Amino acid sequence: MTGKELQALIFNKWGCSYDVQILRIKDRIYFQVMWKYLEQSSFPLSIEEYDAHLEQIATYLSGWGVVNQVQVGILEAKNRPRLGKAVSIFLDLGDRASEWIV
């Protein structure tokens, strides 16, 4: 998956280019679709910065082998990101989880 493919997946689902992040909570890792989006006038990143950020996130997802989990999680999400409430998708890294949780 590339950053552009990730952006297209998010845009096709919700109609906005939402920001994303990877978050560790205790011993679990989540992919989160945040409520701020590129088309918003107050969005803190430029288009180039947003593209680079998504490319970096996509690289992590591909390296961890969880692209399919993210795709299914986004497509099956019942809610949309809204102020203060991200869409969280648990990433099951399997046996490799201990490599990423320090």
Protein backbone atom coordinates (compact mmCIF):
# COMPACT_ATOMS: atom_id res chain seq x y z
CA MET A 1 0.00 0.00 0.00
CA THR A 2 1.16 3.51 -0.79
CA GLY A 3 0.23 6.78 0.85
CA LYS A 4 -1.92 7.70 -2.15
CA GLU A 5 -3.78 4.38 -1.93
CA LEU A 6 -4.38 4.97 1.78
CA GLN A 7 -5.70 8.48 1.07
CA ALA A 8 -8.00 7.12 -1.66
CA LEU A 9 -9.35 4.43 0.67
CA ILE A 10 -10.16 7.01 3.35
CA PHE A 11 -11.57 9.56 0.89
CA ASN A 12 -13.76 6.95 -0.84
CA LYS A 13 -15.20 5.87 2.52
CA TRP A 14 -15.87 9.27 4.11
CA GLY A 15 -15.44 11.92 1.39
CA CYS A 16 -12.55 13.69 3.19
CA SER A 17 -8.79 13.17 3.35
CA TYR A 18 -8.63 12.51 7.08
CA ASP A 19 -5.40 12.51 9.04
CA VAL A 20 -4.19 9.19 10.45
CA GLN A 21 -1.89 8.08 13.21
CA ILE A 22 -0.53 4.93 14.76
CA LEU A 23 -1.01 4.80 18.50
CA ARG A 24 0.25 2.41 21.16
CA ILE A 25 -1.93 1.92 24.21
CA LYS A 26 -0.31 -0.39 26.74
CA ASP A 27 0.60 -3.52 24.75
CA ARG A 28 -1.70 -2.89 21.78
CA ILE A 29 -1.19 -0.92 18.58
CA TYR A 30 -4.00 0.92 16.81
CA PHE A 31 -4.39 2.64 13.47
CA GLN A 32 -6.53 5.73 13.98
CA VAL A 33 -8.39 7.87 11.48
CA MET A 34 -8.52 11.30 13.09
CA TRP A 35 -11.21 13.98 12.74
CA LYS A 36 -9.04 16.66 11.09
CA TYR A 37 -8.81 16.52 7.31
CA LEU A 38 -6.76 18.01 4.49
CA GLU A 39 -9.63 19.96 2.94
CA GLN A 40 -10.20 21.83 6.22
CA SER A 41 -8.82 25.39 6.20
CA SER A 42 -7.36 24.92 9.70
CA PHE A 43 -5.58 21.64 8.84
CA PRO A 44 -2.00 22.00 10.15
CA LEU A 45 -0.17 20.20 7.30
CA SER A 46 0.50 21.27 3.71
CA ILE A 47 -0.46 18.89 0.92
CA GLU A 48 3.18 17.81 0.60
CA GLU A 49 3.50 17.20 4.35
CA TYR A 50 0.23 15.25 4.39
CA ASP A 51 1.37 13.09 1.45
CA ALA A 52 4.72 12.37 3.14
CA HIS A 53 2.96 11.53 6.43
CA LEU A 54 0.58 9.07 4.74
CA GLU A 55 3.47 7.51 2.83
CA GLN A 56 5.32 6.92 6.10
CA ILE A 57 2.25 5.38 7.76
CA ALA A 58 1.62 3.17 4.71
CA THR A 59 5.23 1.98 4.86
CA TYR A 60 4.75 0.90 8.49
CA LEU A 61 1.47 -0.86 7.69
CA SER A 62 3.04 -2.72 4.77
CA GLY A 63 6.12 -3.66 6.78
CA TRP A 64 3.98 -5.03 9.60
CA GLY A 65 1.78 -6.97 7.16
CA VAL A 66 -1.45 -5.37 8.41
CA VAL A 67 -2.62 -3.58 5.25
CA ASN A 68 -5.58 -5.93 4.87
CA GLN A 69 -6.63 -5.33 8.49
CA VAL A 70 -6.66 -1.58 7.89
CA GLN A 71 -8.54 -1.89 4.59
CA VAL A 72 -11.22 -4.10 6.14
CA GLY A 73 -11.40 -1.91 9.25
CA ILE A 74 -12.00 1.23 7.20
CA LEU A 75 -14.50 -0.39 4.85
CA GLU A 76 -16.48 -1.93 7.72
CA ALA A 77 -16.39 1.12 10.01
CA LYS A 78 -19.88 2.10 11.05
CA ASN A 79 -18.95 5.56 12.37
CA ARG A 80 -17.05 8.41 10.82
CA PRO A 81 -14.34 10.41 12.56
CA ARG A 82 -15.80 13.38 14.42
CA LEU A 83 -14.43 16.05 16.73
CA GLY A 84 -12.68 14.32 19.60
CA LYS A 85 -13.55 10.82 18.36
CA ALA A 86 -11.22 8.94 16.04
CA VAL A 87 -12.03 5.69 14.27
CA SER A 88 -9.68 3.15 15.87
CA ILE A 89 -8.63 -0.11 14.24
CA PHE A 90 -6.72 -2.62 16.37
CA LEU A 91 -3.65 -3.95 14.57
CA ASP A 92 -2.90 -7.59 15.28
CA LEU A 93 0.83 -7.88 14.67
CA GLY A 94 0.86 -11.51 15.77
CA ASP A 95 4.21 -12.87 16.91
CA ARG A 96 5.95 -9.70 15.70
CA ALA A 97 4.14 -7.48 18.23
CA SER A 98 6.98 -7.77 20.74
CA GLU A 99 9.37 -6.29 18.16
CA TRP A 100 7.37 -3.05 18.07
CA ILE A 101 6.25 -2.71 21.68
CA VAL A 102 9.16 -1.63 23.84
